[in-house]
Amino acid sequence: MNLIEFLKNNFLHVAPILTTGAVAIVIIYERFQTLFKTYSLENTDGFLMQIRNFVSRGKTNEALTLCLQYPGKPTAEIIKAALERADQPEELILNTIEYTRNQFAEKIQKRTNYLAMIANVATLLGLLGTIAGLIESFTAVGHADPQQKAALLANGISTAMNATMLGLAVAVPCMIVFSVFINKANKLIAEVEAGGMTIHDSLQYHSVNSNGGSRESA
């Protein structure tokens, strides 16, 4: 029995597996676009170095303009949020950094864990189809003529194995992609945290130097 015949003859068994596979494809496409294109910032280290140089020299407007060139990028957005409150007390700046970091951490991790769940569900659905196929084949064999038993049993086992194969065909790619997305999400969150630390330290450095310069002038 080939795969096409299996799908036609056992559509009720395979429909849930195919549905989970379709949902996984949608999630994978959306997460790939978000993590690797929308949120990804090329040369993060160079960007943070520019921000540090601008802010430490008091050029907050230039730093803000640089951030505006990367709309929607979490690292740029957390720095922009802090720069917009640069003239406020340090506690408010820290609160802004923490709030923005939490917001983007949630968005970065959003829906990725569903892939692991789908992998588990697809495996269990494949196992369910295998058990259903075996039950059906043994039931048919019990009521069949001796000459037909071997053919019916072979056909039933083939159906059962195809169900397992289809479930694993959905589960294995989901687990691989899940691991890739988790690694990317962790990297993005680390970059966001680095951006928050960079802008906080740079603002503090500029504030200390400005106050020191004022005292020396006095």
N, C-alpha and C. Protein backbone atom coordinates (compact mmCIF):
# COMPACT_ATOMS: atom_id res chain seq x y z
N MET A 1 0.85 -1.20 0.00
CA MET A 1 0.00 0.00 0.00
C MET A 1 0.89 1.25 0.00
N ASN A 2 0.74 2.09 -1.03
CA ASN A 2 1.53 3.31 -1.04
C ASN A 2 0.86 4.39 -0.20
N LEU A 3 1.56 5.51 -0.06
CA LEU A 3 1.09 6.56 0.84
C LEU A 3 -0.22 7.17 0.36
N ILE A 4 -0.36 7.35 -0.94
CA ILE A 4 -1.59 7.96 -1.48
C ILE A 4 -2.79 7.08 -1.17
N GLU A 5 -2.65 5.78 -1.40
CA GLU A 5 -3.75 4.86 -1.09
C GLU A 5 -4.05 4.85 0.40
N PHE A 6 -2.99 4.92 1.20
CA PHE A 6 -3.19 4.95 2.64
C PHE A 6 -3.98 6.18 3.06
N LEU A 7 -3.64 7.34 2.49
CA LEU A 7 -4.35 8.58 2.83
C LEU A 7 -5.81 8.51 2.41
N LYS A 8 -6.06 7.93 1.24
CA LYS A 8 -7.44 7.82 0.76
C LYS A 8 -8.27 6.87 1.60
N ASN A 9 -7.68 5.73 1.93
CA ASN A 9 -8.42 4.68 2.62
C ASN A 9 -8.55 4.90 4.12
N ASN A 10 -7.71 5.78 4.67
CA ASN A 10 -7.72 5.99 6.12
C ASN A 10 -7.76 7.48 6.46
N PHE A 11 -8.57 8.21 5.72
CA PHE A 11 -8.58 9.66 5.87
C PHE A 11 -8.97 10.08 7.28
N LEU A 12 -9.93 9.37 7.89
CA LEU A 12 -10.36 9.74 9.23
C LEU A 12 -9.24 9.58 10.25
N HIS A 13 -8.36 8.60 10.02
CA HIS A 13 -7.23 8.40 10.93
C HIS A 13 -6.15 9.47 10.73
N VAL A 14 -5.93 9.83 9.47
CA VAL A 14 -4.80 10.72 9.18
C VAL A 14 -5.19 12.20 9.20
N ALA A 15 -6.48 12.52 9.13
CA ALA A 15 -6.91 13.93 9.10
C ALA A 15 -6.38 14.72 10.30
N PRO A 16 -6.46 14.18 11.54
CA PRO A 16 -5.91 14.95 12.67
C PRO A 16 -4.40 15.18 12.54
N ILE A 17 -3.66 14.19 12.04
CA ILE A 17 -2.22 14.36 11.87
C ILE A 17 -1.93 15.42 10.82
N LEU A 18 -2.66 15.36 9.71
CA LEU A 18 -2.47 16.36 8.65
C LEU A 18 -2.84 17.75 9.15
N THR A 19 -3.85 17.83 10.00
CA THR A 19 -4.26 19.13 10.56
C THR A 19 -3.15 19.71 11.44
N THR A 20 -2.56 18.86 12.29
CA THR A 20 -1.46 19.34 13.13
C THR A 20 -0.27 19.77 12.28
N GLY A 21 -0.04 19.03 11.19
CA GLY A 21 1.05 19.41 10.29
C GLY A 21 0.81 20.76 9.64
N ALA A 22 -0.45 21.01 9.23
CA ALA A 22 -0.79 22.30 8.62
C ALA A 22 -0.62 23.44 9.60
N VAL A 23 -1.06 23.23 10.85
CA VAL A 23 -0.89 24.25 11.89
C VAL A 23 0.58 24.52 12.14
N ALA A 24 1.39 23.45 12.16
CA ALA A 24 2.83 23.60 12.37
C ALA A 24 3.47 24.42 11.26
N ILE A 25 3.05 24.20 10.03
CA ILE A 25 3.61 24.95 8.90
C ILE A 25 3.32 26.45 9.05
N VAL A 26 2.09 26.76 9.45
CA VAL A 26 1.72 28.18 9.64
C VAL A 26 2.57 28.81 10.74
N ILE A 27 2.72 28.10 11.86
CA ILE A 27 3.51 28.63 12.97
C ILE A 27 4.97 28.79 12.56
N ILE A 28 5.51 27.79 11.87
CA ILE A 28 6.91 27.85 11.45
C ILE A 28 7.14 29.03 10.53
N TYR A 29 6.23 29.25 9.58
CA TYR A 29 6.39 30.39 8.65
C TYR A 29 6.35 31.71 9.41
N GLU A 30 5.37 31.86 10.30
CA GLU A 30 5.23 33.13 11.05
C GLU A 30 6.42 33.37 11.96
N ARG A 31 6.87 32.33 12.65
CA ARG A 31 8.00 32.48 13.57
C ARG A 31 9.30 32.74 12.82
N PHE A 32 9.47 32.11 11.66
CA PHE A 32 10.68 32.35 10.87
C PHE A 32 10.73 33.80 10.42
N GLN A 33 9.62 34.31 9.91
CA GLN A 33 9.57 35.70 9.47
C GLN A 33 9.86 36.65 10.63
N THR A 34 9.30 36.33 11.80
CA THR A 34 9.46 37.21 12.96
C THR A 34 10.87 37.17 13.53
N LEU A 35 11.37 35.97 13.77
CA LEU A 35 12.65 35.83 14.47
C LEU A 35 13.85 36.14 13.58
N PHE A 36 13.78 35.73 12.32
CA PHE A 36 14.96 35.85 11.46
C PHE A 36 14.93 37.08 10.55
N LYS A 37 13.77 37.72 10.43
CA LYS A 37 13.69 38.89 9.56
C LYS A 37 13.22 40.13 10.32
N THR A 38 12.02 40.05 10.91
CA THR A 38 11.45 41.23 11.57
C THR A 38 12.27 41.68 12.76
N TYR A 39 12.67 40.74 13.62
CA TYR A 39 13.35 41.09 14.87
C TYR A 39 14.87 41.04 14.78
N SER A 40 15.40 40.37 13.78
CA SER A 40 16.85 40.19 13.70
C SER A 40 17.53 41.49 13.27
N LEU A 41 18.61 41.82 13.98
CA LEU A 41 19.36 43.04 13.69
C LEU A 41 20.77 42.65 13.26
N GLU A 42 21.16 43.03 12.05
CA GLU A 42 22.49 42.70 11.57
C GLU A 42 23.55 43.53 12.31
N ASN A 43 24.64 42.89 12.61
CA ASN A 43 25.77 43.54 13.27
C ASN A 43 25.33 44.27 14.55
N THR A 44 24.79 43.49 15.47
CA THR A 44 24.32 44.06 16.74
C THR A 44 25.45 44.73 17.51
N ASP A 45 26.62 44.10 17.51
CA ASP A 45 27.75 44.68 18.24
C ASP A 45 28.14 46.05 17.71
N GLY A 46 28.14 46.19 16.39
CA GLY A 46 28.46 47.48 15.80
C GLY A 46 27.41 48.53 16.12
N PHE A 47 26.15 48.11 16.12
CA PHE A 47 25.06 49.02 16.46
C PHE A 47 25.20 49.51 17.91
N LEU A 48 25.45 48.59 18.82
CA LEU A 48 25.58 48.97 20.23
C LEU A 48 26.80 49.86 20.46
N MET A 49 27.86 49.62 19.71
CA MET A 49 29.05 50.47 19.83
C MET A 49 28.76 51.90 19.39
N GLN A 50 28.00 52.04 18.32
CA GLN A 50 27.61 53.37 17.86
C GLN A 50 26.76 54.08 18.90
N ILE A 51 25.81 53.35 19.47
CA ILE A 51 24.95 53.93 20.50
C ILE A 51 25.79 54.39 21.69
N ARG A 52 26.71 53.54 22.10
CA ARG A 52 27.55 53.87 23.24
C ARG A 52 28.37 55.13 22.98
N ASN A 53 28.93 55.23 21.79
CA ASN A 53 29.73 56.41 21.45
C ASN A 53 28.88 57.68 21.42
N PHE A 54 27.69 57.58 20.84
CA PHE A 54 26.81 58.76 20.77
C PHE A 54 26.40 59.22 22.16
N VAL A 55 25.90 58.29 22.97
CA VAL A 55 25.32 58.66 24.27
C VAL A 55 26.41 59.13 25.23
N SER A 56 27.54 58.46 25.23
CA SER A 56 28.62 58.85 26.15
C SER A 56 29.14 60.25 25.86
N ARG A 57 28.94 60.71 24.63
CA ARG A 57 29.35 62.07 24.26
C ARG A 57 28.19 63.06 24.32
N GLY A 58 27.05 62.58 24.81
CA GLY A 58 25.90 63.46 24.96
C GLY A 58 25.09 63.66 23.71
N LYS A 59 25.35 62.89 22.66
CA LYS A 59 24.62 63.03 21.40
C LYS A 59 23.41 62.09 21.38
N THR A 60 22.48 62.35 22.29
CA THR A 60 21.32 61.47 22.40
C THR A 60 20.40 61.57 21.19
N ASN A 61 20.34 62.73 20.57
CA ASN A 61 19.50 62.87 19.37
C ASN A 61 20.01 62.01 18.22
N GLU A 62 21.34 61.97 18.07
CA GLU A 62 21.93 61.13 17.03
C GLU A 62 21.68 59.66 17.33
N ALA A 63 21.77 59.29 18.61
CA ALA A 63 21.50 57.90 19.01
C ALA A 63 20.04 57.54 18.75
N LEU A 64 19.14 58.47 19.04
CA LEU A 64 17.72 58.24 18.80
C LEU A 64 17.43 58.11 17.32
N THR A 65 18.07 58.94 16.50
CA THR A 65 17.91 58.86 15.05
C THR A 65 18.39 57.52 14.52
N LEU A 66 19.48 57.01 15.08
CA LEU A 66 20.00 55.71 14.67
C LEU A 66 19.00 54.61 15.01
N CYS A 67 18.39 54.69 16.16
CA CYS A 67 17.39 53.69 16.56
C CYS A 67 16.17 53.72 15.64
N LEU A 68 15.79 54.92 15.23
CA LEU A 68 14.62 55.06 14.35
C LEU A 68 14.85 54.44 12.98
N GLN A 69 16.10 54.18 12.63
CA GLN A 69 16.40 53.53 11.35
C GLN A 69 16.11 52.03 11.39
N TYR A 70 15.83 51.50 12.59
CA TYR A 70 15.56 50.07 12.75
C TYR A 70 14.23 49.86 13.46
N PRO A 71 13.13 50.29 12.86
CA PRO A 71 11.83 50.15 13.51
C PRO A 71 11.45 48.68 13.70
N GLY A 72 10.91 48.37 14.86
CA GLY A 72 10.47 47.02 15.14
C GLY A 72 11.55 46.07 15.62
N LYS A 73 12.81 46.50 15.57
CA LYS A 73 13.89 45.66 16.07
C LYS A 73 13.95 45.79 17.59
N PRO A 74 13.83 44.68 18.33
CA PRO A 74 13.77 44.78 19.80
C PRO A 74 14.96 45.50 20.43
N THR A 75 16.16 45.24 19.94
CA THR A 75 17.34 45.89 20.53
C THR A 75 17.29 47.39 20.34
N ALA A 76 16.88 47.83 19.15
CA ALA A 76 16.76 49.26 18.89
C ALA A 76 15.60 49.87 19.66
N GLU A 77 14.52 49.12 19.80
CA GLU A 77 13.34 49.66 20.48
C GLU A 77 13.59 49.87 21.98
N ILE A 78 14.33 48.96 22.61
CA ILE A 78 14.58 49.13 24.04
C ILE A 78 15.50 50.32 24.29
N ILE A 79 16.45 50.54 23.38
CA ILE A 79 17.33 51.70 23.51
C ILE A 79 16.55 52.99 23.25
N LYS A 80 15.67 52.95 22.25
CA LYS A 80 14.85 54.13 21.94
C LYS A 80 13.96 54.49 23.13
N ALA A 81 13.37 53.48 23.75
CA ALA A 81 12.49 53.74 24.90
C ALA A 81 13.26 54.39 26.04
N ALA A 82 14.49 53.93 26.27
CA ALA A 82 15.31 54.53 27.33
C ALA A 82 15.74 55.94 26.97
N LEU A 83 16.10 56.17 25.72
CA LEU A 83 16.53 57.49 25.30
C LEU A 83 15.41 58.52 25.41
N GLU A 84 14.19 58.09 25.19
CA GLU A 84 13.05 59.00 25.29
C GLU A 84 12.81 59.45 26.73
N ARG A 85 13.40 58.74 27.69
CA ARG A 85 13.30 59.12 29.10
C ARG A 85 14.67 59.47 29.68
N ALA A 86 15.58 59.85 28.82
CA ALA A 86 16.96 60.10 29.26
C ALA A 86 17.05 61.23 30.29
N ASP A 87 16.10 62.17 30.26
CA ASP A 87 16.16 63.30 31.19
C ASP A 87 15.40 63.03 32.48
N GLN A 88 14.90 61.81 32.66
CA GLN A 88 14.15 61.46 33.84
C GLN A 88 15.04 60.72 34.85
N PRO A 89 14.57 60.51 36.09
CA PRO A 89 15.38 59.81 37.10
C PRO A 89 15.77 58.41 36.66
N GLU A 90 16.87 57.94 37.20
CA GLU A 90 17.41 56.62 36.80
C GLU A 90 16.41 55.49 37.03
N GLU A 91 15.65 55.58 38.11
CA GLU A 91 14.69 54.52 38.42
C GLU A 91 13.65 54.38 37.31
N LEU A 92 13.18 55.51 36.78
CA LEU A 92 12.19 55.46 35.70
C LEU A 92 12.81 54.88 34.42
N ILE A 93 14.06 55.21 34.18
CA ILE A 93 14.74 54.65 33.00
C ILE A 93 14.87 53.14 33.14
N LEU A 94 15.26 52.68 34.33
CA LEU A 94 15.39 51.24 34.57
C LEU A 94 14.04 50.54 34.42
N ASN A 95 12.99 51.17 34.92
CA ASN A 95 11.65 50.58 34.78
C ASN A 95 11.24 50.47 33.32
N THR A 96 11.57 51.51 32.54
CA THR A 96 11.27 51.48 31.11
C THR A 96 12.02 50.37 30.41
N ILE A 97 13.31 50.24 30.74
CA ILE A 97 14.12 49.18 30.14
C ILE A 97 13.56 47.80 30.49
N GLU A 98 13.23 47.60 31.75
CA GLU A 98 12.70 46.31 32.19
C GLU A 98 11.35 46.00 31.55
N TYR A 99 10.49 47.01 31.48
CA TYR A 99 9.16 46.81 30.88
C TYR A 99 9.28 46.47 29.39
N THR A 100 10.11 47.20 28.68
CA THR A 100 10.29 46.96 27.25
C THR A 100 10.92 45.59 27.02
N ARG A 101 11.88 45.24 27.85
CA ARG A 101 12.53 43.93 27.74
C ARG A 101 11.51 42.81 27.92
N ASN A 102 10.65 42.91 28.92
CA ASN A 102 9.64 41.88 29.17
C ASN A 102 8.65 41.79 28.01
N GLN A 103 8.27 42.95 27.48
CA GLN A 103 7.35 42.97 26.35
C GLN A 103 7.91 42.19 25.16
N PHE A 104 9.13 42.49 24.81
CA PHE A 104 9.73 41.84 23.64
C PHE A 104 10.10 40.38 23.92
N ALA A 105 10.46 40.05 25.15
CA ALA A 105 10.75 38.66 25.48
C ALA A 105 9.52 37.80 25.26
N GLU A 106 8.37 38.33 25.64
CA GLU A 106 7.11 37.60 25.42
C GLU A 106 6.81 37.45 23.94
N LYS A 107 7.02 38.52 23.17
CA LYS A 107 6.76 38.44 21.74
C LYS A 107 7.74 37.51 21.02
N ILE A 108 8.99 37.52 21.47
CA ILE A 108 10.01 36.68 20.84
C ILE A 108 9.71 35.20 21.07
N GLN A 109 9.24 34.86 22.26
CA GLN A 109 8.98 33.46 22.60
C GLN A 109 7.58 33.00 22.19
N LYS A 110 6.77 33.93 21.73
CA LYS A 110 5.37 33.65 21.44
C LYS A 110 5.21 32.52 20.43
N ARG A 111 4.34 31.56 20.73
CA ARG A 111 3.93 30.45 19.84
C ARG A 111 5.02 29.42 19.55
N THR A 112 6.26 29.68 19.90
CA THR A 112 7.31 28.71 19.59
C THR A 112 7.09 27.40 20.32
N ASN A 113 6.65 27.45 21.58
CA ASN A 113 6.44 26.23 22.35
C ASN A 113 5.33 25.36 21.77
N TYR A 114 4.47 25.94 20.95
CA TYR A 114 3.42 25.13 20.32
C TYR A 114 4.01 24.05 19.41
N LEU A 115 5.20 24.30 18.86
CA LEU A 115 5.81 23.32 17.97
C LEU A 115 6.16 22.04 18.72
N ALA A 116 6.66 22.18 19.93
CA ALA A 116 6.96 20.99 20.75
C ALA A 116 5.67 20.24 21.08
N MET A 117 4.61 20.98 21.39
CA MET A 117 3.34 20.35 21.68
C MET A 117 2.81 19.62 20.45
N ILE A 118 2.91 20.26 19.28
CA ILE A 118 2.43 19.63 18.05
C ILE A 118 3.21 18.36 17.74
N ALA A 119 4.53 18.39 18.00
CA ALA A 119 5.35 17.20 17.77
C ALA A 119 4.87 16.04 18.64
N ASN A 120 4.59 16.33 19.90
CA ASN A 120 4.11 15.28 20.80
C ASN A 120 2.73 14.78 20.39
N VAL A 121 1.86 15.70 20.03
CA VAL A 121 0.50 15.32 19.63
C VAL A 121 0.53 14.50 18.34
N ALA A 122 1.34 14.91 17.36
CA ALA A 122 1.43 14.17 16.11
C ALA A 122 1.94 12.74 16.34
N THR A 123 2.92 12.59 17.24
CA THR A 123 3.43 11.26 17.56
C THR A 123 2.35 10.40 18.19
N LEU A 124 1.59 10.98 19.12
CA LEU A 124 0.52 10.22 19.77
C LEU A 124 -0.60 9.90 18.80
N LEU A 125 -0.92 10.82 17.89
CA LEU A 125 -1.95 10.54 16.90
C LEU A 125 -1.50 9.43 15.95
N GLY A 126 -0.22 9.43 15.60
CA GLY A 126 0.31 8.34 14.79
C GLY A 126 0.20 7.01 15.51
N LEU A 127 0.52 7.01 16.80
CA LEU A 127 0.38 5.79 17.60
C LEU A 127 -1.08 5.35 17.69
N LEU A 128 -1.97 6.33 17.83
CA LEU A 128 -3.39 6.01 17.87
C LEU A 128 -3.84 5.37 16.57
N GLY A 129 -3.37 5.93 15.44
CA GLY A 129 -3.70 5.34 14.15
C GLY A 129 -3.13 3.95 14.00
N THR A 130 -1.95 3.71 14.55
CA THR A 130 -1.33 2.39 14.50
C THR A 130 -2.17 1.37 15.28
N ILE A 131 -2.57 1.76 16.48
CA ILE A 131 -3.38 0.85 17.29
C ILE A 131 -4.72 0.58 16.62
N ALA A 132 -5.34 1.64 16.08
CA ALA A 132 -6.62 1.46 15.39
C ALA A 132 -6.47 0.54 14.18
N GLY A 133 -5.36 0.70 13.44
CA GLY A 133 -5.13 -0.16 12.27
C GLY A 133 -4.92 -1.61 12.66
N LEU A 134 -4.18 -1.84 13.75
CA LEU A 134 -3.95 -3.20 14.21
C LEU A 134 -5.24 -3.86 14.70
N ILE A 135 -6.03 -3.09 15.45
CA ILE A 135 -7.31 -3.63 15.92
C ILE A 135 -8.19 -4.01 14.74
N GLU A 136 -8.23 -3.12 13.74
CA GLU A 136 -9.07 -3.36 12.57
C GLU A 136 -8.58 -4.58 11.79
N SER A 137 -7.27 -4.72 11.66
CA SER A 137 -6.73 -5.85 10.89
C SER A 137 -6.96 -7.17 11.60
N PHE A 138 -6.74 -7.20 12.92
CA PHE A 138 -6.95 -8.45 13.65
C PHE A 138 -8.43 -8.82 13.70
N THR A 139 -9.30 -7.82 13.75
CA THR A 139 -10.73 -8.09 13.71
C THR A 139 -11.12 -8.70 12.36
N ALA A 140 -10.56 -8.13 11.28
CA ALA A 140 -10.86 -8.66 9.94
C ALA A 140 -10.30 -10.06 9.76
N VAL A 141 -9.11 -10.30 10.29
CA VAL A 141 -8.50 -11.62 10.18
C VAL A 141 -9.32 -12.67 10.92
N GLY A 142 -9.89 -12.28 12.05
CA GLY A 142 -10.67 -13.23 12.84
C GLY A 142 -11.91 -13.72 12.14
N HIS A 143 -12.43 -12.94 11.19
CA HIS A 143 -13.65 -13.33 10.48
C HIS A 143 -13.39 -13.68 9.03
N ALA A 144 -12.14 -13.80 8.64
CA ALA A 144 -11.81 -14.04 7.23
C ALA A 144 -11.52 -15.50 6.98
N ASP A 145 -11.57 -15.87 5.70
CA ASP A 145 -11.19 -17.22 5.30
C ASP A 145 -9.70 -17.41 5.51
N PRO A 146 -9.26 -18.62 5.79
CA PRO A 146 -7.83 -18.88 6.01
C PRO A 146 -6.96 -18.39 4.86
N GLN A 147 -7.45 -18.47 3.62
CA GLN A 147 -6.65 -18.05 2.49
C GLN A 147 -6.45 -16.53 2.44
N GLN A 148 -7.36 -15.79 3.03
CA GLN A 148 -7.30 -14.33 2.99
C GLN A 148 -6.62 -13.72 4.22
N LYS A 149 -6.39 -14.53 5.23
CA LYS A 149 -5.87 -13.99 6.49
C LYS A 149 -4.51 -13.32 6.33
N ALA A 150 -3.63 -13.97 5.58
CA ALA A 150 -2.28 -13.42 5.42
C ALA A 150 -2.33 -12.06 4.72
N ALA A 151 -3.14 -11.97 3.67
CA ALA A 151 -3.23 -10.71 2.93
C ALA A 151 -3.85 -9.61 3.79
N LEU A 152 -4.91 -9.95 4.52
CA LEU A 152 -5.57 -8.95 5.38
C LEU A 152 -4.65 -8.49 6.50
N LEU A 153 -3.91 -9.44 7.07
CA LEU A 153 -3.00 -9.09 8.16
C LEU A 153 -1.88 -8.18 7.66
N ALA A 154 -1.31 -8.51 6.49
CA ALA A 154 -0.25 -7.68 5.92
C ALA A 154 -0.76 -6.29 5.60
N ASN A 155 -1.97 -6.20 5.07
CA ASN A 155 -2.55 -4.91 4.72
C ASN A 155 -2.81 -4.08 5.98
N GLY A 156 -3.30 -4.74 7.04
CA GLY A 156 -3.56 -4.02 8.28
C GLY A 156 -2.28 -3.51 8.94
N ILE A 157 -1.23 -4.33 8.93
CA ILE A 157 0.04 -3.91 9.51
C ILE A 157 0.64 -2.77 8.71
N SER A 158 0.49 -2.83 7.38
CA SER A 158 0.98 -1.74 6.53
C SER A 158 0.28 -0.44 6.88
N THR A 159 -1.04 -0.53 7.06
CA THR A 159 -1.81 0.66 7.45
C THR A 159 -1.33 1.21 8.79
N ALA A 160 -1.12 0.31 9.74
CA ALA A 160 -0.68 0.73 11.07
C ALA A 160 0.69 1.41 11.02
N MET A 161 1.63 0.84 10.25
CA MET A 161 2.95 1.41 10.15
C MET A 161 2.95 2.76 9.43
N ASN A 162 2.08 2.88 8.44
CA ASN A 162 1.97 4.16 7.73
C ASN A 162 1.48 5.26 8.65
N ALA A 163 0.59 4.91 9.57
CA ALA A 163 0.11 5.91 10.54
C ALA A 163 1.25 6.39 11.43
N THR A 164 2.07 5.45 11.89
CA THR A 164 3.23 5.83 12.71
C THR A 164 4.19 6.70 11.92
N MET A 165 4.45 6.29 10.67
CA MET A 165 5.36 7.06 9.83
C MET A 165 4.87 8.48 9.61
N LEU A 166 3.57 8.63 9.36
CA LEU A 166 3.02 9.97 9.11
C LEU A 166 3.13 10.83 10.36
N GLY A 167 2.85 10.25 11.52
CA GLY A 167 2.97 11.01 12.76
C GLY A 167 4.40 11.47 13.01
N LEU A 168 5.36 10.58 12.76
CA LEU A 168 6.76 10.95 12.94
C LEU A 168 7.22 11.95 11.88
N ALA A 169 6.64 11.86 10.68
CA ALA A 169 7.00 12.79 9.61
C ALA A 169 6.62 14.21 9.98
N VAL A 170 5.60 14.37 10.81
CA VAL A 170 5.22 15.69 11.30
C VAL A 170 6.04 16.06 12.54
N ALA A 171 6.25 15.08 13.42
CA ALA A 171 6.88 15.37 14.72
C ALA A 171 8.36 15.71 14.61
N VAL A 172 9.10 14.95 13.79
CA VAL A 172 10.55 15.14 13.74
C VAL A 172 10.93 16.54 13.23
N PRO A 173 10.38 17.01 12.08
CA PRO A 173 10.72 18.38 11.65
C PRO A 173 10.30 19.44 12.67
N CYS A 174 9.16 19.21 13.33
CA CYS A 174 8.71 20.19 14.33
C CYS A 174 9.71 20.31 15.47
N MET A 175 10.26 19.19 15.93
CA MET A 175 11.22 19.23 17.02
C MET A 175 12.53 19.89 16.59
N ILE A 176 12.95 19.62 15.35
CA ILE A 176 14.18 20.24 14.84
C ILE A 176 14.01 21.76 14.74
N VAL A 177 12.90 22.18 14.13
CA VAL A 177 12.65 23.61 13.98
C VAL A 177 12.44 24.27 15.34
N PHE A 178 11.79 23.57 16.25
CA PHE A 178 11.60 24.10 17.61
C PHE A 178 12.94 24.42 18.26
N SER A 179 13.91 23.51 18.13
CA SER A 179 15.23 23.74 18.71
C SER A 179 15.92 24.94 18.08
N VAL A 180 15.80 25.06 16.76
CA VAL A 180 16.40 26.19 16.06
C VAL A 180 15.77 27.51 16.52
N PHE A 181 14.46 27.52 16.62
CA PHE A 181 13.76 28.74 17.02
C PHE A 181 14.06 29.11 18.47
N ILE A 182 14.16 28.12 19.35
CA ILE A 182 14.48 28.40 20.75
C ILE A 182 15.86 29.04 20.87
N ASN A 183 16.82 28.50 20.12
CA ASN A 183 18.17 29.08 20.14
C ASN A 183 18.17 30.51 19.62
N LYS A 184 17.42 30.75 18.54
CA LYS A 184 17.34 32.10 17.99
C LYS A 184 16.65 33.04 18.97
N ALA A 185 15.58 32.57 19.60
CA ALA A 185 14.85 33.40 20.57
C ALA A 185 15.75 33.77 21.74
N ASN A 186 16.50 32.81 22.24
CA ASN A 186 17.42 33.09 23.35
C ASN A 186 18.48 34.12 22.95
N LYS A 187 18.96 34.00 21.71
CA LYS A 187 19.95 34.96 21.22
C LYS A 187 19.35 36.37 21.13
N LEU A 188 18.12 36.47 20.63
CA LEU A 188 17.48 37.77 20.52
C LEU A 188 17.24 38.39 21.90
N ILE A 189 16.81 37.57 22.85
CA ILE A 189 16.58 38.09 24.21
C ILE A 189 17.88 38.57 24.82
N ALA A 190 18.95 37.82 24.58
CA ALA A 190 20.27 38.25 25.08
C ALA A 190 20.69 39.56 24.45
N GLU A 191 20.39 39.76 23.17
CA GLU A 191 20.72 41.02 22.51
C GLU A 191 19.89 42.17 23.08
N VAL A 192 18.62 41.91 23.37
CA VAL A 192 17.78 42.94 23.97
C VAL A 192 18.33 43.34 25.35
N GLU A 193 18.71 42.34 26.13
CA GLU A 193 19.28 42.64 27.45
C GLU A 193 20.59 43.41 27.32
N ALA A 194 21.41 43.04 26.32
CA ALA A 194 22.65 43.78 26.09
C ALA A 194 22.36 45.22 25.70
N GLY A 195 21.32 45.42 24.90
CA GLY A 195 20.93 46.78 24.53
C GLY A 195 20.50 47.60 25.74
N GLY A 196 19.72 46.96 26.63
CA GLY A 196 19.29 47.66 27.84
C GLY A 196 20.45 48.03 28.74
N MET A 197 21.39 47.11 28.90
CA MET A 197 22.57 47.40 29.73
C MET A 197 23.45 48.47 29.10
N THR A 198 23.58 48.41 27.76
CA THR A 198 24.41 49.39 27.07
C THR A 198 23.88 50.80 27.24
N ILE A 199 22.58 50.97 27.02
CA ILE A 199 22.02 52.32 27.10
C ILE A 199 22.02 52.83 28.54
N HIS A 200 21.77 51.94 29.50
CA HIS A 200 21.80 52.37 30.90
C HIS A 200 23.20 52.79 31.32
N ASP A 201 24.19 51.97 30.99
CA ASP A 201 25.57 52.31 31.36
C ASP A 201 26.03 53.59 30.65
N SER A 202 25.64 53.75 29.40
CA SER A 202 26.07 54.93 28.64
C SER A 202 25.45 56.20 29.21
N LEU A 203 24.17 56.11 29.58
CA LEU A 203 23.52 57.28 30.17
C LEU A 203 24.14 57.61 31.53
N GLN A 204 24.47 56.60 32.30
CA GLN A 204 25.12 56.82 33.59
C GLN A 204 26.50 57.43 33.40
N TYR A 205 27.23 56.92 32.43
CA TYR A 205 28.57 57.44 32.15
C TYR A 205 28.51 58.92 31.77
N HIS A 206 27.56 59.24 30.88
CA HIS A 206 27.42 60.63 30.46
C HIS A 206 26.98 61.51 31.63
N SER A 207 26.08 60.99 32.47
CA SER A 207 25.61 61.78 33.61
C SER A 207 26.73 62.07 34.59
N VAL A 208 27.53 61.05 34.90
CA VAL A 208 28.64 61.23 35.84
C VAL A 208 29.66 62.21 35.29
N ASN A 209 29.99 62.07 34.00
CA ASN A 209 30.98 62.95 33.40
C ASN A 209 30.47 64.39 33.34
N SER A 210 29.18 64.54 33.05
CA SER A 210 28.59 65.88 32.98
C SER A 210 28.63 66.55 34.35
N ASN A 211 28.24 65.80 35.38
CA ASN A 211 28.26 66.36 36.74
C ASN A 211 29.68 66.67 37.19
N GLY A 212 30.60 65.77 36.82
CA GLY A 212 32.00 66.01 37.19
C GLY A 212 32.54 67.22 36.51
N GLY A 213 32.18 67.38 35.23
CA GLY A 213 32.63 68.55 34.48
C GLY A 213 32.06 69.83 35.05
N SER A 214 30.81 69.77 35.51
CA SER A 214 30.18 70.96 36.07
C SER A 214 30.86 71.35 37.36
N ARG A 215 31.21 70.32 38.18
CA ARG A 215 31.87 70.64 39.45
C ARG A 215 33.25 71.22 39.24
N GLU A 216 33.97 70.66 38.23
CA GLU A 216 35.30 71.18 37.94
C GLU A 216 35.23 72.62 37.44
N SER A 217 34.20 72.90 36.63
CA SER A 217 34.05 74.28 36.12
C SER A 217 33.76 75.23 37.27
N ALA A 218 32.96 74.72 38.22
CA ALA A 218 32.65 75.56 39.37
C ALA A 218 33.89 75.82 40.20
